[in-house]
Protein backbone atom coordinates (compact mmCIF):
# COMPACT_ATOMS: atom_id res chain seq x y z
CA MET A 1 35.94 22.36 5.01
CA ARG A 2 32.77 20.05 5.94
CA ASP A 3 32.66 16.53 4.36
CA LEU A 4 29.55 16.80 1.55
CA THR A 5 29.73 12.96 0.73
CA VAL A 6 26.66 11.63 0.02
CA ARG A 7 26.13 8.38 2.17
CA ARG A 8 23.87 5.50 1.47
CA SER A 9 21.57 4.11 3.42
CA ASP A 10 21.74 0.51 2.39
CA PRO A 11 23.97 -1.11 5.09
CA GLY A 12 24.96 -3.57 2.69
CA GLY A 13 26.49 -1.24 0.36
CA GLY A 14 25.59 -3.52 -2.69
CA GLY A 15 25.52 -2.20 -6.28
CA VAL A 16 22.31 -2.12 -8.22
CA ARG A 17 20.35 -5.51 -8.24
CA LYS A 18 18.10 -6.89 -11.07
CA GLY A 19 15.02 -7.84 -9.80
CA CYS A 20 14.16 -9.23 -6.39
CA GLU A 21 15.48 -12.04 -4.65
CA THR A 22 12.13 -13.29 -2.96
CA GLY A 23 10.19 -12.97 -6.37
CA ARG A 24 7.02 -11.20 -7.12
CA MET A 25 4.87 -11.06 -3.94
CA PRO A 26 0.73 -10.61 -4.05
CA VAL A 27 -0.31 -7.44 -3.25
CA LEU A 28 -3.11 -8.94 -1.11
CA ASP A 29 -2.57 -12.43 0.65
CA PRO A 30 -4.92 -14.75 -1.19
CA HIS A 31 -5.84 -16.58 1.76
CA PRO A 32 -5.75 -14.11 4.55
CA LYS A 33 -6.00 -14.93 8.27
CA ASN A 34 -9.04 -14.08 10.46
CA GLY A 35 -7.72 -10.71 11.43
CA GLN A 36 -6.83 -9.74 8.05
CA LYS A 37 -10.32 -10.65 6.63
CA LYS A 38 -11.86 -8.34 9.37
CA LEU A 39 -9.89 -5.44 8.61
CA LEU A 40 -10.57 -6.09 4.51
CA ALA A 41 -14.08 -6.09 5.57
CA VAL A 42 -13.93 -3.04 7.64
CA PHE A 43 -11.93 -1.08 4.69
CA GLY A 44 -14.45 -2.56 2.06
CA ALA A 45 -17.23 -1.10 4.18
CA MET A 46 -15.71 2.27 4.69
CA MET A 47 -15.04 2.46 0.59
CA ALA A 48 -18.53 1.42 0.04
CA ILE A 49 -19.97 3.86 2.21
CA THR A 50 -17.80 6.88 0.71
CA VAL A 51 -19.23 5.68 -2.61
CA ILE A 52 -22.57 5.63 -1.93
CA ILE A 53 -22.18 9.24 -0.16
CA GLY A 54 -20.65 10.15 -3.41
CA ILE A 55 -23.24 9.09 -5.51
CA ILE A 56 -26.18 10.57 -3.44
CA ALA A 57 -24.34 14.12 -3.32
CA THR A 58 -23.97 13.84 -7.10
CA ILE A 59 -27.89 13.24 -7.45
CA VAL A 60 -28.73 15.61 -4.94
CA SER A 61 -26.67 18.54 -6.21
CA PRO A 62 -28.45 21.04 -8.46
């Protein structure tokens, strides 16, 4: 017979915790470094272009 025991991937094997030890962290850094600023600018430009293309396609469609 094979062992069908489910093993946990948590190496500490701790129980269920309430909350996080580090507290709530922001999704975006309030003061991003230069590399992050460039990445956010590129992402924002990509999203803006996508929205503009969507608006134009909606207006042009019959």
